[in-house]
C-alpha atoms as a PDB file:
ATOM      1  CA  MET A   1      -7.700  23.978 -22.667  1.00  0.00           C
ATOM      2  CA  PRO A   2      -8.325  20.858 -24.665  1.00  0.00           C
ATOM      3  CA  HIS A   3     -11.725  18.810 -22.244  1.00  0.00           C
ATOM      4  CA  GLU A   4     -10.721  15.088 -20.933  1.00  0.00           C
ATOM      5  CA  HIS A   5     -12.601  13.998 -24.398  1.00  0.00           C
ATOM      6  CA  GLU A   6     -10.518  15.692 -26.404  1.00  0.00           C
ATOM      7  CA  LEU A   7      -7.707  13.917 -25.268  1.00  0.00           C
ATOM      8  CA  LYS A   8      -6.007  10.607 -25.739  1.00  0.00           C
ATOM      9  CA  PRO A   9      -5.141   8.260 -22.990  1.00  0.00           C
ATOM     10  CA  GLU A  10      -2.280   7.826 -22.070  1.00  0.00           C
ATOM     11  CA  PRO A  11      -0.229   4.834 -23.356  1.00  0.00           C
ATOM     12  CA  TRP A  12      -0.626   1.664 -20.971  1.00  0.00           C
ATOM     13  CA  GLY A  13       2.471   0.296 -21.375  1.00  0.00           C
ATOM     14  CA  VAL A  14       4.033   3.723 -18.854  1.00  0.00           C
ATOM     15  CA  HIS A  15       2.576   1.323 -16.473  1.00  0.00           C
ATOM     16  CA  LEU A  16       5.048  -1.173 -16.525  1.00  0.00           C
ATOM     17  CA  LEU A  17       6.772   0.996 -14.573  1.00  0.00           C
ATOM     18  CA  GLY A  18       5.320  -0.445 -11.654  1.00  0.00           C
ATOM     19  CA  LEU A  19       7.916  -3.628 -11.992  1.00  0.00           C
ATOM     20  CA  ALA A  20      11.056  -1.481 -11.871  1.00  0.00           C
ATOM     21  CA  PRO A  21      10.812  -2.026  -7.638  1.00  0.00           C
ATOM     22  CA  VAL A  22      10.653  -5.377  -7.882  1.00  0.00           C
ATOM     23  CA  SER A  23      12.894  -5.960 -10.616  1.00  0.00           C
ATOM     24  CA  MET A  24      16.059  -4.329  -9.355  1.00  0.00           C
ATOM     25  CA  VAL A  25      14.910  -6.282  -5.805  1.00  0.00           C
ATOM     26  CA  ILE A  26      15.173  -9.923  -7.749  1.00  0.00           C
ATOM     27  CA  ALA A  27      18.566  -8.687  -9.866  1.00  0.00           C
ATOM     28  CA  GLY A  28      20.306  -7.627  -6.678  1.00  0.00           C
ATOM     29  CA  ASN A  29      19.155 -10.557  -4.109  1.00  0.00           C
ATOM     30  CA  LEU A  30      20.660 -12.345  -7.122  1.00  0.00           C
ATOM     31  CA  ALA A  31      23.621 -10.026  -7.924  1.00  0.00           C
ATOM     32  CA  GLY A  32      24.739 -10.136  -3.862  1.00  0.00           C
ATOM     33  CA  GLY A  33      26.935  -7.178  -2.264  1.00  0.00           C
ATOM     34  CA  PRO A  34      26.147  -3.934  -2.281  1.00  0.00           C
ATOM     35  CA  TRP A  35      23.288  -5.101  -5.160  1.00  0.00           C
ATOM     36  CA  VAL A  36      20.927  -5.882  -2.300  1.00  0.00           C
ATOM     37  CA  LEU A  37      20.360  -2.619  -1.277  1.00  0.00           C
ATOM     38  CA  GLY A  38      18.743  -1.920  -4.164  1.00  0.00           C
ATOM     39  CA  GLY A  39      15.236  -2.019  -3.146  1.00  0.00           C
ATOM     40  CA  ILE A  40      16.306   0.846  -0.300  1.00  0.00           C
ATOM     41  CA  ILE A  41      17.687   2.884  -2.943  1.00  0.00           C
ATOM     42  CA  TYR A  42      14.624   3.057  -4.663  1.00  0.00           C
ATOM     43  CA  ILE A  43      12.116   4.260  -1.864  1.00  0.00           C
ATOM     44  CA  LEU A  44      14.139   6.621  -0.681  1.00  0.00           C
ATOM     45  CA  ALA A  45      15.951   8.239  -3.599  1.00  0.00           C
ATOM     46  CA  ILE A  46      15.328   7.126  -7.035  1.00  0.00           C
ATOM     47  CA  GLY A  47      11.112   7.300  -5.982  1.00  0.00           C
ATOM     48  CA  PRO A  48      11.352  10.453  -4.653  1.00  0.00           C
ATOM     49  CA  ILE A  49      13.716  12.116  -7.354  1.00  0.00           C
ATOM     50  CA  LEU A  50      11.441  10.610 -10.478  1.00  0.00           C
ATOM     51  CA  ASP A  51       8.220  12.161  -8.526  1.00  0.00           C
ATOM     52  CA  LEU A  52       9.829  15.554  -9.506  1.00  0.00           C
ATOM     53  CA  ALA A  53      11.421  15.174 -13.041  1.00  0.00           C
ATOM     54  CA  PHE A  54       8.209  13.453 -14.176  1.00  0.00           C
ATOM     55  CA  GLY A  55       5.720  16.391 -12.834  1.00  0.00           C
ATOM     56  CA  ARG A  56       2.340  16.431 -12.259  1.00  0.00           C
ATOM     57  CA  ALA A  57       0.551  15.145 -14.500  1.00  0.00           C
ATOM     58  CA  THR A  58      -2.305  18.839 -15.025  1.00  0.00           C
ATOM     59  CA  ARG A  59      -4.674  17.386 -17.715  1.00  0.00           C
ATOM     60  CA  PRO A  60      -6.547  13.613 -16.646  1.00  0.00           C
ATOM     61  CA  ARG A  61      -6.381  11.464 -19.537  1.00  0.00           C
ATOM     62  CA  PRO A  62      -9.735   9.582 -20.102  1.00  0.00           C
ATOM     63  CA  PRO A  63      -9.677   5.281 -19.238  1.00  0.00           C
ATOM     64  CA  ARG A  64      -8.298   2.572 -21.956  1.00  0.00           C
ATOM     65  CA  ALA A  65     -11.362   0.977 -23.642  1.00  0.00           C
ATOM     66  CA  SER A  66      -9.650  -2.678 -22.549  1.00  0.00           C
ATOM     67  CA  GLY A  67      -8.110  -3.011 -19.067  1.00  0.00           C
ATOM     68  CA  ARG A  68      -7.206  -6.574 -20.295  1.00  0.00           C
ATOM     69  CA  PRO A  69      -2.790  -4.924 -20.666  1.00  0.00           C
ATOM     70  CA  PHE A  70      -3.867  -3.964 -16.610  1.00  0.00           C
ATOM     71  CA  GLU A  71      -4.889  -7.235 -15.680  1.00  0.00           C
ATOM     72  CA  VAL A  72      -2.107  -9.385 -16.559  1.00  0.00           C
ATOM     73  CA  LEU A  73       0.046  -6.264 -15.537  1.00  0.00           C
ATOM     74  CA  LEU A  74      -1.476  -7.813 -11.969  1.00  0.00           C
ATOM     75  CA  TYR A  75      -0.986 -11.120 -12.382  1.00  0.00           C
ATOM     76  CA  VAL A  76       2.595 -10.140 -13.695  1.00  0.00           C
ATOM     77  CA  HIS A  77       3.249  -8.652 -10.528  1.00  0.00           C
ATOM     78  CA  ALA A  78       1.818 -11.558  -8.318  1.00  0.00           C
ATOM     79  CA  ALA A  79       3.692 -13.779 -10.216  1.00  0.00           C
ATOM     80  CA  LEU A  80       7.412 -11.335  -9.280  1.00  0.00           C
ATOM     81  CA  GLN A  81       6.261 -11.285  -5.470  1.00  0.00           C
ATOM     82  CA  PHE A  82       7.223 -15.002  -4.845  1.00  0.00           C
ATOM     83  CA  ALA A  83      10.148 -15.064  -6.875  1.00  0.00           C
ATOM     84  CA  ALA A  84      11.513 -12.057  -5.310  1.00  0.00           C
ATOM     85  CA  LEU A  85      10.614 -14.391  -2.059  1.00  0.00           C
ATOM     86  CA  GLY A  86      12.214 -16.917  -3.498  1.00  0.00           C
ATOM     87  CA  THR A  87      15.476 -15.052  -4.127  1.00  0.00           C
ATOM     88  CA  LEU A  88      15.246 -13.732  -0.529  1.00  0.00           C
ATOM     89  CA  LEU A  89      14.376 -17.286   0.828  1.00  0.00           C
ATOM     90  CA  TYR A  90      18.234 -17.908  -2.236  1.00  0.00           C
ATOM     91  CA  ARG A  91      20.071 -14.534  -0.283  1.00  0.00           C
ATOM     92  CA  ALA A  92      19.515 -15.062   3.209  1.00  0.00           C
ATOM     93  CA  GLY A  93      20.224 -19.235   3.012  1.00  0.00           C
ATOM     94  CA  ILE A  94      23.814 -17.835   1.862  1.00  0.00           C
ATOM     95  CA  GLU A  95      24.589 -14.749   3.798  1.00  0.00           C
ATOM     96  CA  GLN A  96      23.261 -15.870   7.010  1.00  0.00           C
ATOM     97  CA  SER A  97      23.363 -13.056   9.587  1.00  0.00           C
ATOM     98  CA  ALA A  98      25.800 -10.990   6.992  1.00  0.00           C
ATOM     99  CA  TRP A  99      24.382  -7.407   7.029  1.00  0.00           C
ATOM    100  CA  THR A 100      23.501  -8.188   2.496  1.00  0.00           C
ATOM    101  CA  MET A 101      20.751 -10.501   3.897  1.00  0.00           C
ATOM    102  CA  TRP A 102      19.594  -7.800   6.492  1.00  0.00           C
ATOM    103  CA  GLY A 103      18.981  -5.527   3.486  1.00  0.00           C
ATOM    104  CA  ALA A 104      17.945  -7.734   0.931  1.00  0.00           C
ATOM    105  CA  ALA A 105      14.976  -8.456   3.483  1.00  0.00           C
ATOM    106  CA  LEU A 106      14.186  -4.373   3.495  1.00  0.00           C
ATOM    107  CA  SER A 107      14.873  -4.135   0.006  1.00  0.00           C
ATOM    108  CA  THR A 108      12.214  -7.234  -0.501  1.00  0.00           C
ATOM    109  CA  GLY A 109      10.023  -5.451   1.826  1.00  0.00           C
ATOM    110  CA  VAL A 110       9.581  -2.937  -0.529  1.00  0.00           C
ATOM    111  CA  SER A 111       8.519  -3.972  -3.589  1.00  0.00           C
ATOM    112  CA  SER A 112       6.159  -6.408  -1.273  1.00  0.00           C
ATOM    113  CA  GLY A 113       5.052  -3.670  -0.660  1.00  0.00           C
ATOM    114  CA  VAL A 114       4.150  -2.693  -4.240  1.00  0.00           C
ATOM    115  CA  SER A 115       3.890  -6.235  -6.296  1.00  0.00           C
ATOM    116  CA  GLY A 116       2.470  -7.662  -3.265  1.00  0.00           C
ATOM    117  CA  ILE A 117       0.093  -5.598  -0.660  1.00  0.00           C
ATOM    118  CA  ILE A 118      -0.545  -2.844  -3.778  1.00  0.00           C
ATOM    119  CA  VAL A 119      -2.189  -5.836  -6.083  1.00  0.00           C
ATOM    120  CA  ALA A 120      -3.588  -7.411  -2.751  1.00  0.00           C
ATOM    121  CA  HIS A 121      -5.537  -4.164  -2.205  1.00  0.00           C
ATOM    122  CA  GLU A 122      -6.605  -4.062  -5.881  1.00  0.00           C
ATOM    123  CA  LEU A 123      -7.491  -7.925  -6.570  1.00  0.00           C
ATOM    124  CA  GLY A 124      -9.381  -7.952  -2.893  1.00  0.00           C
ATOM    125  CA  HIS A 125     -12.013  -5.524  -3.772  1.00  0.00           C
ATOM    126  CA  ARG A 126     -12.915  -8.700  -6.377  1.00  0.00           C
ATOM    127  CA  ARG A 127     -15.274 -11.070  -6.216  1.00  0.00           C
ATOM    128  CA  PRO A 128     -14.378 -13.511  -2.801  1.00  0.00           C
ATOM    129  CA  ARG A 129     -12.731 -16.431  -3.806  1.00  0.00           C
ATOM    130  CA  SER A 130     -12.600 -15.920  -7.049  1.00  0.00           C
ATOM    131  CA  LEU A 131      -9.264 -16.810  -8.985  1.00  0.00           C
ATOM    132  CA  ALA A 132      -8.484 -13.043  -8.756  1.00  0.00           C
ATOM    133  CA  TRP A 133      -9.370 -13.247  -4.677  1.00  0.00           C
ATOM    134  CA  TRP A 134      -7.263 -15.618  -3.749  1.00  0.00           C
ATOM    135  CA  ILE A 135      -4.339 -14.885  -5.502  1.00  0.00           C
ATOM    136  CA  GLY A 136      -4.518 -11.101  -3.336  1.00  0.00           C
ATOM    137  CA  ARG A 137      -4.910 -13.735  -0.138  1.00  0.00           C
ATOM    138  CA  PHE A 138      -1.370 -15.147  -1.287  1.00  0.00           C
ATOM    139  CA  ASN A 139      -0.158 -12.046  -1.528  1.00  0.00           C
ATOM    140  CA  LEU A 140      -0.951 -10.400   1.778  1.00  0.00           C
ATOM    141  CA  LEU A 141      -0.006 -13.730   3.245  1.00  0.00           C
ATOM    142  CA  SER A 142       3.655 -13.793   1.489  1.00  0.00           C
ATOM    143  CA  VAL A 143       3.267 -10.120   4.384  1.00  0.00           C
ATOM    144  CA  LEU A 144       1.857 -11.989   7.051  1.00  0.00           C
ATOM    145  CA  TYR A 145      -1.192  -9.613   6.925  1.00  0.00           C
ATOM    146  CA  LEU A 146      -4.400 -11.527   5.745  1.00  0.00           C
ATOM    147  CA  HIS A 147      -7.037  -9.416   7.637  1.00  0.00           C
ATOM    148  CA  PHE A 148      -6.477  -6.851   5.465  1.00  0.00           C
ATOM    149  CA  THR A 149      -8.182  -7.400   3.178  1.00  0.00           C
ATOM    150  CA  THR A 150     -11.652  -7.664   5.805  1.00  0.00           C
ATOM    151  CA  GLU A 151     -10.714  -4.160   7.855  1.00  0.00           C
ATOM    152  CA  HIS A 152     -10.241  -2.297   4.434  1.00  0.00           C
ATOM    153  CA  ASN A 153     -13.229  -3.476   2.398  1.00  0.00           C
ATOM    154  CA  HIS A 154     -15.972  -3.317   5.459  1.00  0.00           C
ATOM    155  CA  THR A 155     -14.584  -0.743   7.915  1.00  0.00           C
ATOM    156  CA  HIS A 156     -12.150   1.971   5.740  1.00  0.00           C
ATOM    157  CA  HIS A 157     -14.642   2.178   3.347  1.00  0.00           C
ATOM    158  CA  ARG A 158     -17.621   2.338   5.150  1.00  0.00           C
ATOM    159  CA  HIS A 159     -16.039   4.617   8.074  1.00  0.00           C
ATOM    160  CA  VAL A 160     -13.026   6.633   6.388  1.00  0.00           C
ATOM    161  CA  SER A 161     -11.914   9.890   7.846  1.00  0.00           C
ATOM    162  CA  THR A 162     -14.366   9.143  11.250  1.00  0.00           C
ATOM    163  CA  SER A 163     -13.350   8.243  14.664  1.00  0.00           C
ATOM    164  CA  ALA A 164     -14.625   4.566  14.096  1.00  0.00           C
ATOM    165  CA  ASP A 165     -12.000   4.044  11.591  1.00  0.00           C
ATOM    166  CA  PRO A 166      -8.397   2.855  12.842  1.00  0.00           C
ATOM    167  CA  ALA A 167      -6.498   3.505   9.306  1.00  0.00           C
ATOM    168  CA  SER A 168      -7.355   7.269   9.833  1.00  0.00           C
ATOM    169  CA  ALA A 169      -4.424   9.308  10.780  1.00  0.00           C
ATOM    170  CA  ARG A 170      -5.977  12.374  13.252  1.00  0.00           C
ATOM    171  CA  ARG A 171      -4.515  15.852  13.219  1.00  0.00           C
ATOM    172  CA  GLY A 172      -0.944  16.562  15.125  1.00  0.00           C
ATOM    173  CA  GLU A 173      -1.078  12.645  14.913  1.00  0.00           C
ATOM    174  CA  SER A 174       2.823  11.486  13.643  1.00  0.00           C
ATOM    175  CA  LEU A 175       3.130   8.595  12.318  1.00  0.00           C
ATOM    176  CA  TRP A 176       5.514   6.872  14.267  1.00  0.00           C
ATOM    177  CA  ALA A 177       2.303   7.379  16.779  1.00  0.00           C
ATOM    178  CA  PHE A 178      -0.534   6.038  14.040  1.00  0.00           C
ATOM    179  CA  VAL A 179       1.987   3.090  13.446  1.00  0.00           C
ATOM    180  CA  VAL A 180       1.708   2.339  16.683  1.00  0.00           C
ATOM    181  CA  ARG A 181      -2.010   2.482  17.443  1.00  0.00           C
ATOM    182  CA  THR A 182      -3.492   1.630  13.844  1.00  0.00           C
ATOM    183  CA  ILE A 183      -1.530  -1.870  13.332  1.00  0.00           C
ATOM    184  CA  PRO A 184      -3.400  -3.373  16.713  1.00  0.00           C
ATOM    185  CA  GLY A 185      -6.651  -1.139  16.052  1.00  0.00           C
ATOM    186  CA  GLN A 186      -6.995  -2.743  12.694  1.00  0.00           C
ATOM    187  CA  PHE A 187      -5.721  -6.382  13.842  1.00  0.00           C
ATOM    188  CA  ALA A 188      -9.037  -5.927  16.565  1.00  0.00           C
ATOM    189  CA  ASP A 189     -11.581  -4.410  14.303  1.00  0.00           C
ATOM    190  CA  ALA A 190     -10.993  -7.123  11.970  1.00  0.00           C
ATOM    191  CA  LEU A 191     -12.237  -9.586  14.815  1.00  0.00           C
ATOM    192  CA  ARG A 192     -14.859  -7.643  15.034  1.00  0.00           C
ATOM    193  CA  VAL A 193     -16.211  -6.795  12.325  1.00  0.00           C
ATOM    194  CA  HIS A 194     -16.450 -11.534  12.323  1.00  0.00           C
ATOM    195  CA  THR A 195     -17.372 -11.552  15.571  1.00  0.00           C
ATOM    196  CA  SER A 196     -20.913  -8.876  14.783  1.00  0.00           C
ATOM    197  CA  LYS A 197     -21.942 -12.309  12.732  1.00  0.00           C
ATOM    198  CA  GLY A 198     -21.896 -14.944  15.365  1.00  0.00           C
ATOM    199  CA  HIS A 199     -18.316 -15.674  13.315  1.00  0.00           C
ATOM    200  CA  SER A 200     -16.388 -16.736  16.982  1.00  0.00           C
ATOM    201  CA  GLY A 201     -13.123 -18.692  18.239  1.00  0.00           C
ATOM    202  CA  LEU A 202     -12.084 -20.871  14.529  1.00  0.00           C
ATOM    203  CA  ARG A 203     -14.777 -20.051  13.579  1.00  0.00           C
ATOM    204  CA  ASN A 204     -13.696 -16.056  12.611  1.00  0.00           C
ATOM    205  CA  PRO A 205     -11.709 -16.283   8.927  1.00  0.00           C
ATOM    206  CA  VAL A 206      -9.356 -13.566  11.198  1.00  0.00           C
ATOM    207  CA  VAL A 207      -8.853 -15.858  13.977  1.00  0.00           C
ATOM    208  CA  ARG A 208      -8.157 -18.740  11.439  1.00  0.00           C
ATOM    209  CA  GLY A 209      -6.098 -16.853   8.286  1.00  0.00           C
ATOM    210  CA  ALA A 210      -3.897 -15.717  12.085  1.00  0.00           C
ATOM    211  CA  LEU A 211      -2.832 -19.680  12.713  1.00  0.00           C
ATOM    212  CA  VAL A 212      -2.083 -20.460   8.909  1.00  0.00           C
ATOM    213  CA  GLN A 213       0.210 -16.785   9.167  1.00  0.00           C
ATOM    214  CA  VAL A 214       2.013 -18.316  12.639  1.00  0.00           C
ATOM    215  CA  ALA A 215       2.117 -21.693  10.695  1.00  0.00           C
ATOM    216  CA  PHE A 216       3.578 -21.028   8.170  1.00  0.00           C
ATOM    217  CA  VAL A 217       6.445 -19.078   9.817  1.00  0.00           C
ATOM    218  CA  VAL A 218       6.950 -22.554  12.176  1.00  0.00           C
ATOM    219  CA  ALA A 219       6.967 -24.836   8.928  1.00  0.00           C
ATOM    220  CA  MET A 220       9.160 -22.515   7.841  1.00  0.00           C
ATOM    221  CA  TYR A 221      11.711 -22.374  10.359  1.00  0.00           C
ATOM    222  CA  ALA A 222      11.551 -25.650  10.529  1.00  0.00           C
ATOM    223  CA  VAL A 223      12.026 -26.636   7.024  1.00  0.00           C
ATOM    224  CA  LEU A 224      14.790 -23.708   5.597  1.00  0.00           C
ATOM    225  CA  GLY A 225      16.511 -22.378   9.429  1.00  0.00           C
ATOM    226  CA  PRO A 226      16.441 -19.284  11.350  1.00  0.00           C
ATOM    227  CA  TRP A 227      18.127 -16.537   8.886  1.00  0.00           C
ATOM    228  CA  CYS A 228      15.447 -16.725   6.161  1.00  0.00           C
ATOM    229  CA  THR A 229      12.819 -16.972   8.616  1.00  0.00           C
ATOM    230  CA  ALA A 230      14.320 -13.825   9.830  1.00  0.00           C
ATOM    231  CA  ALA A 231      14.807 -12.785   6.087  1.00  0.00           C
ATOM    232  CA  PHE A 232      11.518 -13.005   5.679  1.00  0.00           C
ATOM    233  CA  VAL A 233       9.581 -11.884   7.957  1.00  0.00           C
ATOM    234  CA  THR A 234      11.846  -8.449   8.255  1.00  0.00           C
ATOM    235  CA  GLN A 235      10.154  -8.262   4.442  1.00  0.00           C
ATOM    236  CA  ALA A 236       6.438  -8.645   5.945  1.00  0.00           C
ATOM    237  CA  ALA A 237       7.646  -6.305   8.055  1.00  0.00           C
ATOM    238  CA  PHE A 238       9.093  -3.694   5.935  1.00  0.00           C
ATOM    239  CA  ALA A 239       6.037  -3.949   3.883  1.00  0.00           C
ATOM    240  CA  VAL A 240       3.752  -3.308   6.574  1.00  0.00           C
ATOM    241  CA  LEU A 241       5.763  -0.506   7.260  1.00  0.00           C
ATOM    242  CA  LEU A 242       4.831   1.161   3.690  1.00  0.00           C
ATOM    243  CA  LEU A 243       1.564   0.278   3.473  1.00  0.00           C
ATOM    244  CA  GLU A 244       0.596   1.870   7.195  1.00  0.00           C
ATOM    245  CA  TYR A 245       2.780   5.059   5.631  1.00  0.00           C
ATOM    246  CA  ILE A 246       0.450   5.549   2.729  1.00  0.00           C
ATOM    247  CA  ASN A 247      -2.777   4.893   5.108  1.00  0.00           C
ATOM    248  CA  TYR A 248      -0.976   7.829   7.401  1.00  0.00           C
ATOM    249  CA  ILE A 249      -0.523  10.352   4.444  1.00  0.00           C
ATOM    250  CA  ARG A 250      -3.379   9.456   2.869  1.00  0.00           C
ATOM    251  CA  HIS A 251      -6.294  11.034   4.521  1.00  0.00           C
ATOM    252  CA  TYR A 252      -4.835  12.860   7.340  1.00  0.00           C
ATOM    253  CA  GLY A 253      -6.185  15.196   9.655  1.00  0.00           C
ATOM    254  CA  LEU A 254      -9.558  14.846   7.669  1.00  0.00           C
ATOM    255  CA  ARG A 255     -12.705  14.741   9.193  1.00  0.00           C
ATOM    256  CA  ARG A 256     -16.099  13.663   8.939  1.00  0.00           C
ATOM    257  CA  ASP A 257     -18.539  12.524  11.853  1.00  0.00           C
ATOM    258  CA  VAL A 258     -20.112   9.552  11.837  1.00  0.00           C
ATOM    259  CA  GLY A 259     -22.842   9.205   9.345  1.00  0.00           C
ATOM    260  CA  GLU A 260     -21.773  12.343   7.296  1.00  0.00           C
ATOM    261  CA  ARG A 261     -22.118  11.663   3.673  1.00  0.00           C
ATOM    262  CA  GLN A 262     -18.228  11.078   2.131  1.00  0.00           C
ATOM    263  CA  THR A 263     -16.566  12.857  -0.294  1.00  0.00           C
ATOM    264  CA  GLU A 264     -14.219  13.604  -2.592  1.00  0.00           C
ATOM    265  CA  MET A 265     -12.640  16.095   0.159  1.00  0.00           C
ATOM    266  CA  HIS A 266     -11.822  12.937   3.019  1.00  0.00           C
ATOM    267  CA  SER A 267      -9.338  11.310   1.140  1.00  0.00           C
ATOM    268  CA  TRP A 268      -6.096  13.123  -0.150  1.00  0.00           C
ATOM    269  CA  GLN A 269      -4.756  13.128  -3.473  1.00  0.00           C
ATOM    270  CA  SER A 270      -1.752  13.192  -5.798  1.00  0.00           C
ATOM    271  CA  GLU A 271      -1.289  13.347  -9.789  1.00  0.00           C
ATOM    272  CA  GLU A 272       2.761  13.148  -9.595  1.00  0.00           C
ATOM    273  CA  ARG A 273       2.805  10.739 -12.380  1.00  0.00           C
ATOM    274  CA  TRP A 274       5.667   8.517 -11.216  1.00  0.00           C
ATOM    275  CA  SER A 275       3.694   7.645  -8.082  1.00  0.00           C
ATOM    276  CA  ARG A 276       0.845   6.688  -9.885  1.00  0.00           C
ATOM    277  CA  TRP A 277       2.076   4.734 -12.727  1.00  0.00           C
ATOM    278  CA  THR A 278       4.177   2.227 -10.351  1.00  0.00           C
ATOM    279  CA  LEU A 279       1.272   2.398  -7.648  1.00  0.00           C
ATOM    280  CA  LEU A 280      -1.788   1.101 -10.423  1.00  0.00           C
ATOM    281  CA  GLU A 281      -3.177   4.505  -9.736  1.00  0.00           C
ATOM    282  CA  LEU A 282      -3.205   4.450  -6.007  1.00  0.00           C
ATOM    283  CA  THR A 283      -3.158   8.142  -5.787  1.00  0.00           C
ATOM    284  CA  ARG A 284      -6.536   9.197  -7.499  1.00  0.00           C
ATOM    285  CA  HIS A 285      -7.594   8.003  -3.718  1.00  0.00           C
ATOM    286  CA  PRO A 286     -10.916   9.739  -3.628  1.00  0.00           C
ATOM    287  CA  ALA A 287     -11.777   7.798  -6.590  1.00  0.00           C
ATOM    288  CA  HIS A 288     -11.322   4.341  -5.172  1.00  0.00           C
ATOM    289  CA  HIS A 289     -12.848   5.675  -2.331  1.00  0.00           C
ATOM    290  CA  LEU A 290     -16.176   6.870  -3.905  1.00  0.00           C
ATOM    291  CA  LYS A 291     -16.250   3.965  -6.775  1.00  0.00           C
ATOM    292  CA  ALA A 292     -14.426   0.874  -4.805  1.00  0.00           C
ATOM    293  CA  SER A 293     -15.970  -1.272  -7.373  1.00  0.00           C
ATOM    294  CA  VAL A 294     -13.515   0.721 -10.116  1.00  0.00           C
ATOM    295  CA  PRO A 295     -10.730  -1.169 -11.450  1.00  0.00           C
ATOM    296  CA  PHE A 296      -7.508   1.155 -10.859  1.00  0.00           C
ATOM    297  CA  TRP A 297      -6.897   1.543 -14.655  1.00  0.00           C
ATOM    298  CA  GLU A 298     -10.290   4.009 -14.769  1.00  0.00           C
ATOM    299  CA  LEU A 299      -9.916   5.763 -12.086  1.00  0.00           C
ATOM    300  CA  ARG A 300     -10.127   9.515 -12.402  1.00  0.00           C
ATOM    301  CA  PRO A 301      -8.815  12.405  -9.712  1.00  0.00           C
ATOM    302  CA  TYR A 302     -11.457  15.292  -8.746  1.00  0.00           C
ATOM    303  CA  PRO A 303     -10.450  18.805  -9.232  1.00  0.00           C
ATOM    304  CA  ASP A 304     -11.242  20.167  -6.027  1.00  0.00           C
ATOM    305  CA  ALA A 305      -9.885  17.329  -3.816  1.00  0.00           C
ATOM    306  CA  PRO A 306      -7.342  18.153  -1.461  1.00  0.00           C
ATOM    307  CA  THR A 307      -3.819  17.631  -2.317  1.00  0.00           C
ATOM    308  CA  LEU A 308      -0.837  16.288  -1.237  1.00  0.00           C
ATOM    309  CA  PRO A 309       2.432  18.125  -1.356  1.00  0.00           C
ATOM    310  CA  THR A 310       4.170  15.314  -4.035  1.00  0.00           C
ATOM    311  CA  GLY A 311       3.675  12.154  -4.778  1.00  0.00           C
ATOM    312  CA  TYR A 312       3.810   9.108  -2.471  1.00  0.00           C
ATOM    313  CA  TYR A 313       7.444   8.591  -2.680  1.00  0.00           C
ATOM    314  CA  GLY A 314       8.570  12.165  -2.029  1.00  0.00           C
ATOM    315  CA  CYS A 315       5.862  12.425   0.718  1.00  0.00           C
ATOM    316  CA  LEU A 316       7.547   9.526   3.172  1.00  0.00           C
ATOM    317  CA  TRP A 317      10.684  12.618   3.579  1.00  0.00           C
ATOM    318  CA  LEU A 318       8.387  14.173   5.197  1.00  0.00           C
ATOM    319  CA  ALA A 319       6.561  12.209   7.448  1.00  0.00           C
ATOM    320  CA  VAL A 320       9.210  10.517   8.825  1.00  0.00           C
ATOM    321  CA  VAL A 321       9.912  13.606  10.719  1.00  0.00           C
ATOM    322  CA  PRO A 322       7.084  14.479  12.591  1.00  0.00           C
ATOM    323  CA  SER A 323       7.389  18.213  12.650  1.00  0.00           C
ATOM    324  CA  VAL A 324       7.692  18.651   9.579  1.00  0.00           C
ATOM    325  CA  TRP A 325       5.481  17.353   8.005  1.00  0.00           C
ATOM    326  CA  ARG A 326       2.603  18.992  10.142  1.00  0.00           C
ATOM    327  CA  ARG A 327       4.127  21.995   9.320  1.00  0.00           C
ATOM    328  CA  VAL A 328       3.440  21.085   5.292  1.00  0.00           C
ATOM    329  CA  MET A 329       0.090  19.498   6.173  1.00  0.00           C
ATOM    330  CA  ASP A 330      -1.249  20.797   8.026  1.00  0.00           C
ATOM    331  CA  PRO A 331      -2.190  24.523   6.230  1.00  0.00           C
ATOM    332  CA  ARG A 332      -4.005  22.402   3.486  1.00  0.00           C
ATOM    333  CA  ILE A 333      -6.370  20.834   5.835  1.00  0.00           C
ATOM    334  CA  PRO A 334      -9.646  22.041   4.817  1.00  0.00           C
ATOM    335  CA  ALA A 335     -10.346  25.158   6.786  1.00  0.00           C
ATOM    336  CA  HIS A 336     -13.767  23.190   8.235  1.00  0.00           C
ATOM    337  CA  MET A 337     -11.774  20.757   9.384  1.00  0.00           C
ATOM    338  CA  ARG A 338      -8.857  21.826  11.230  1.00  0.00           C
ATOM    339  CA  ASP A 339     -11.449  22.477  13.820  1.00  0.00           C
ATOM    340  CA  SER A 340     -11.494  19.086  15.049  1.00  0.00           C
ATOM    341  CA  ALA A 341      -8.876  18.372  17.931  1.00  0.00           C
ATOM    342  CA  VAL A 342      -5.539  17.474  17.668  1.00  0.00           C
ATOM    343  CA  VAL A 343      -4.012  14.829  19.376  1.00  0.00           C
END
């Protein structure tokens, strides 16, 4: 088998496939009718099928010499994110309370999860107050989740897979129980991060961010009315649900003690090509945790890292049924971690 350095890098163009969800959503929102369900059909059917069809990469390719195409791709995603939101508001303004408005909102939540939150996650690791960082902030505002960067960078990366991290799922914990626990837990944790630095009240960036989000929604209601506002809030809520689903599967059941050194064994990995290409290599999560400053196109897989049974799309069908998820995943947890308490 050839060594990695004997292989050629993957064509950067395969990552353009990640523009498929947001493109489908924009087209569906403009067309109306059953076409507004494009994003939902993609996340529930097309994505899992393509994960299976393209299979799992077994020989990691070396990174490309230039990251410029990938940098440009991030900004294209961000631009299309706001284009998708514009088409959603257009559709909501026409349909109002019709089922197509709600379908468009859920579909747009799918593209907001990819072109909005995943891009914001990548840009949130850039230098604070740089252009890239600000674009990430606007992306998070578009899903009403501005505190994510604080919690993710300051707590999740430091305490991942420990009891101190609200974004790590415990063995035996269902997706639904995790969502109920993690969303308020992450917000409270982000507040504490800045409070511990002496930033209380309006001096706390998380408090200010929450007020900005409330003001944004109130202004939207005043200008565009209740149905556009309902559609916007619905897409944001669904995007956040998808984010927390991904958080759930990325560390489920992998435990370490507070202070124990973090290794590649504390994050789940997936080399399914479709998930890799369309989710900005988010599936190479062990590498991201050990090398947070490395851009997504340079992340490499670890041969011994815990491996998910399929890509991120296919795992959704497993995770929504807790008994099925536990039956598939619990035996995959490294033996020395299975002794940790079940929820």
